[in-house]
């Protein structure tokens, strides 16, 4: 059983190299109660590729998760925080009232 959620979404962009990549990971239990680390990566705006790793224990999955986080950080990936379009449009509407 997974004791806490593990989710990560990071991006790496370089306009000069025409690079716009994303990398996403999460640890979820599968139907058999094992810890499943799912990785997704590719060019931003595409579905990308997916790979899943199955582990007997959460500890094993977390160890790989943390190793991959360190690897992506060394390669220049950074966390991205974006507002959802619903929140952004409602915020714009609120601000228009103050203009």
C-alpha atoms as a PDB file:
ATOM      1  CA  UNK A   1       0.000   0.000   0.000  1.00  0.00           C
ATOM      2  CA  UNK A   2       1.263   3.464  -0.897  1.00  0.00           C
ATOM      3  CA  UNK A   3       1.577   5.637   2.228  1.00  0.00           C
ATOM      4  CA  UNK A   4       1.724   9.013   0.469  1.00  0.00           C
ATOM      5  CA  UNK A   5       1.341  10.326  -3.091  1.00  0.00           C
ATOM      6  CA  UNK A   6       4.414  10.729  -5.286  1.00  0.00           C
ATOM      7  CA  UNK A   7       4.003  12.942  -8.357  1.00  0.00           C
ATOM      8  CA  UNK A   8       6.492  14.965 -10.354  1.00  0.00           C
ATOM      9  CA  UNK A   9       6.244  17.095 -13.495  1.00  0.00           C
ATOM     10  CA  UNK A  10       9.324  18.938 -14.783  1.00  0.00           C
ATOM     11  CA  UNK A  11      10.273  20.644 -18.038  1.00  0.00           C
ATOM     12  CA  UNK A  12      13.443  21.580 -19.848  1.00  0.00           C
ATOM     13  CA  UNK A  13      13.398  24.241 -22.558  1.00  0.00           C
ATOM     14  CA  UNK A  14      16.098  25.861 -24.660  1.00  0.00           C
ATOM     15  CA  UNK A  15      14.965  28.117 -27.505  1.00  0.00           C
ATOM     16  CA  UNK A  16      18.417  28.119 -29.151  1.00  0.00           C
ATOM     17  CA  UNK A  17      18.378  24.319 -29.415  1.00  0.00           C
ATOM     18  CA  UNK A  18      14.640  24.118 -30.261  1.00  0.00           C
ATOM     19  CA  UNK A  19      14.254  21.975 -27.130  1.00  0.00           C
ATOM     20  CA  UNK A  20      10.983  21.733 -25.221  1.00  0.00           C
ATOM     21  CA  UNK A  21      10.817  18.544 -23.155  1.00  0.00           C
ATOM     22  CA  UNK A  22       8.713  17.300 -20.284  1.00  0.00           C
ATOM     23  CA  UNK A  23       9.173  14.475 -17.797  1.00  0.00           C
ATOM     24  CA  UNK A  24       6.445  13.200 -15.472  1.00  0.00           C
ATOM     25  CA  UNK A  25       6.478  10.471 -12.817  1.00  0.00           C
ATOM     26  CA  UNK A  26       4.090   9.060 -10.264  1.00  0.00           C
ATOM     27  CA  UNK A  27       3.912   6.097  -7.923  1.00  0.00           C
ATOM     28  CA  UNK A  28       0.525   4.372  -7.705  1.00  0.00           C
ATOM     29  CA  UNK A  29      -0.597   0.964  -6.451  1.00  0.00           C
ATOM     30  CA  UNK A  30      -1.519  -1.527  -9.174  1.00  0.00           C
ATOM     31  CA  UNK A  31      -4.348  -4.075  -8.997  1.00  0.00           C
ATOM     32  CA  UNK A  32      -2.086  -6.569  -7.219  1.00  0.00           C
ATOM     33  CA  UNK A  33      -1.067  -4.146  -4.465  1.00  0.00           C
ATOM     34  CA  UNK A  34       2.420  -3.580  -5.829  1.00  0.00           C
ATOM     35  CA  UNK A  35       3.987  -0.136  -6.145  1.00  0.00           C
ATOM     36  CA  UNK A  36       4.021   0.966  -9.771  1.00  0.00           C
ATOM     37  CA  UNK A  37       6.307   3.811 -10.874  1.00  0.00           C
ATOM     38  CA  UNK A  38       5.008   5.259 -14.133  1.00  0.00           C
ATOM     39  CA  UNK A  39       7.226   7.570 -16.167  1.00  0.00           C
ATOM     40  CA  UNK A  40       6.126   9.734 -19.114  1.00  0.00           C
ATOM     41  CA  UNK A  41       8.425  11.894 -21.225  1.00  0.00           C
ATOM     42  CA  UNK A  42       8.614  13.623 -24.579  1.00  0.00           C
ATOM     43  CA  UNK A  43       8.279  16.920 -26.385  1.00  0.00           C
ATOM     44  CA  UNK A  44       5.931  19.414 -24.726  1.00  0.00           C
ATOM     45  CA  UNK A  45       2.567  19.311 -26.478  1.00  0.00           C
ATOM     46  CA  UNK A  46       2.804  15.621 -27.432  1.00  0.00           C
ATOM     47  CA  UNK A  47       1.625  12.477 -25.647  1.00  0.00           C
ATOM     48  CA  UNK A  48       5.227  11.303 -25.337  1.00  0.00           C
ATOM     49  CA  UNK A  49       6.329   7.836 -24.293  1.00  0.00           C
ATOM     50  CA  UNK A  50       5.389   5.850 -21.193  1.00  0.00           C
ATOM     51  CA  UNK A  51       7.226   3.236 -19.169  1.00  0.00           C
ATOM     52  CA  UNK A  52       6.077   1.456 -15.992  1.00  0.00           C
ATOM     53  CA  UNK A  53       8.175  -0.257 -13.339  1.00  0.00           C
ATOM     54  CA  UNK A  54       6.607  -2.657 -10.830  1.00  0.00           C
ATOM     55  CA  UNK A  55       8.058  -3.184  -7.344  1.00  0.00           C
ATOM     56  CA  UNK A  56       7.197  -5.417  -4.427  1.00  0.00           C
ATOM     57  CA  UNK A  57       7.623  -2.551  -1.954  1.00  0.00           C
ATOM     58  CA  UNK A  58       7.026   1.184  -1.945  1.00  0.00           C
ATOM     59  CA  UNK A  59      10.596   1.704  -0.700  1.00  0.00           C
ATOM     60  CA  UNK A  60      12.044   0.237  -3.916  1.00  0.00           C
ATOM     61  CA  UNK A  61       9.814   2.441  -6.065  1.00  0.00           C
ATOM     62  CA  UNK A  62      10.716   5.557  -4.065  1.00  0.00           C
ATOM     63  CA  UNK A  63      14.443   4.791  -4.397  1.00  0.00           C
ATOM     64  CA  UNK A  64      14.171   4.789  -8.216  1.00  0.00           C
ATOM     65  CA  UNK A  65      11.874   7.849  -8.119  1.00  0.00           C
ATOM     66  CA  UNK A  66      14.465   9.833  -6.129  1.00  0.00           C
ATOM     67  CA  UNK A  67      17.348   8.664  -8.339  1.00  0.00           C
ATOM     68  CA  UNK A  68      15.456   9.852 -11.419  1.00  0.00           C
ATOM     69  CA  UNK A  69      14.616  13.199  -9.760  1.00  0.00           C
ATOM     70  CA  UNK A  70      18.319  13.790  -9.071  1.00  0.00           C
ATOM     71  CA  UNK A  71      19.209  12.799 -12.630  1.00  0.00           C
ATOM     72  CA  UNK A  72      16.651  15.160 -14.180  1.00  0.00           C
ATOM     73  CA  UNK A  73      17.731  18.023 -11.928  1.00  0.00           C
ATOM     74  CA  UNK A  74      21.369  17.556 -13.024  1.00  0.00           C
ATOM     75  CA  UNK A  75      20.241  17.677 -16.671  1.00  0.00           C
ATOM     76  CA  UNK A  76      18.508  21.009 -16.212  1.00  0.00           C
ATOM     77  CA  UNK A  77      14.859  20.026 -15.745  1.00  0.00           C
ATOM     78  CA  UNK A  78      12.873  22.309 -13.437  1.00  0.00           C
ATOM     79  CA  UNK A  79       9.430  22.206 -11.836  1.00  0.00           C
ATOM     80  CA  UNK A  80       6.736  24.169 -13.621  1.00  0.00           C
ATOM     81  CA  UNK A  81       3.710  25.675 -11.919  1.00  0.00           C
ATOM     82  CA  UNK A  82       0.854  26.702 -14.175  1.00  0.00           C
ATOM     83  CA  UNK A  83      -2.575  28.063 -13.406  1.00  0.00           C
ATOM     84  CA  UNK A  84      -5.465  26.112 -14.805  1.00  0.00           C
ATOM     85  CA  UNK A  85      -7.368  27.885 -17.557  1.00  0.00           C
ATOM     86  CA  UNK A  86     -10.510  28.003 -15.378  1.00  0.00           C
ATOM     87  CA  UNK A  87      -8.676  29.774 -12.549  1.00  0.00           C
ATOM     88  CA  UNK A  88      -6.906  32.119 -14.963  1.00  0.00           C
ATOM     89  CA  UNK A  89     -10.118  33.185 -16.732  1.00  0.00           C
ATOM     90  CA  UNK A  90     -11.994  33.742 -13.458  1.00  0.00           C
ATOM     91  CA  UNK A  91      -9.031  35.755 -12.139  1.00  0.00           C
ATOM     92  CA  UNK A  92      -9.019  37.910 -15.307  1.00  0.00           C
ATOM     93  CA  UNK A  93     -12.744  38.540 -14.833  1.00  0.00           C
ATOM     94  CA  UNK A  94     -12.132  39.640 -11.223  1.00  0.00           C
ATOM     95  CA  UNK A  95      -9.343  41.986 -12.281  1.00  0.00           C
ATOM     96  CA  UNK A  96     -11.466  43.597 -15.016  1.00  0.00           C
ATOM     97  CA  UNK A  97     -13.852  44.800 -12.324  1.00  0.00           C
ATOM     98  CA  UNK A  98     -11.036  46.809 -10.745  1.00  0.00           C
ATOM     99  CA  UNK A  99      -9.804  48.484 -13.953  1.00  0.00           C
END
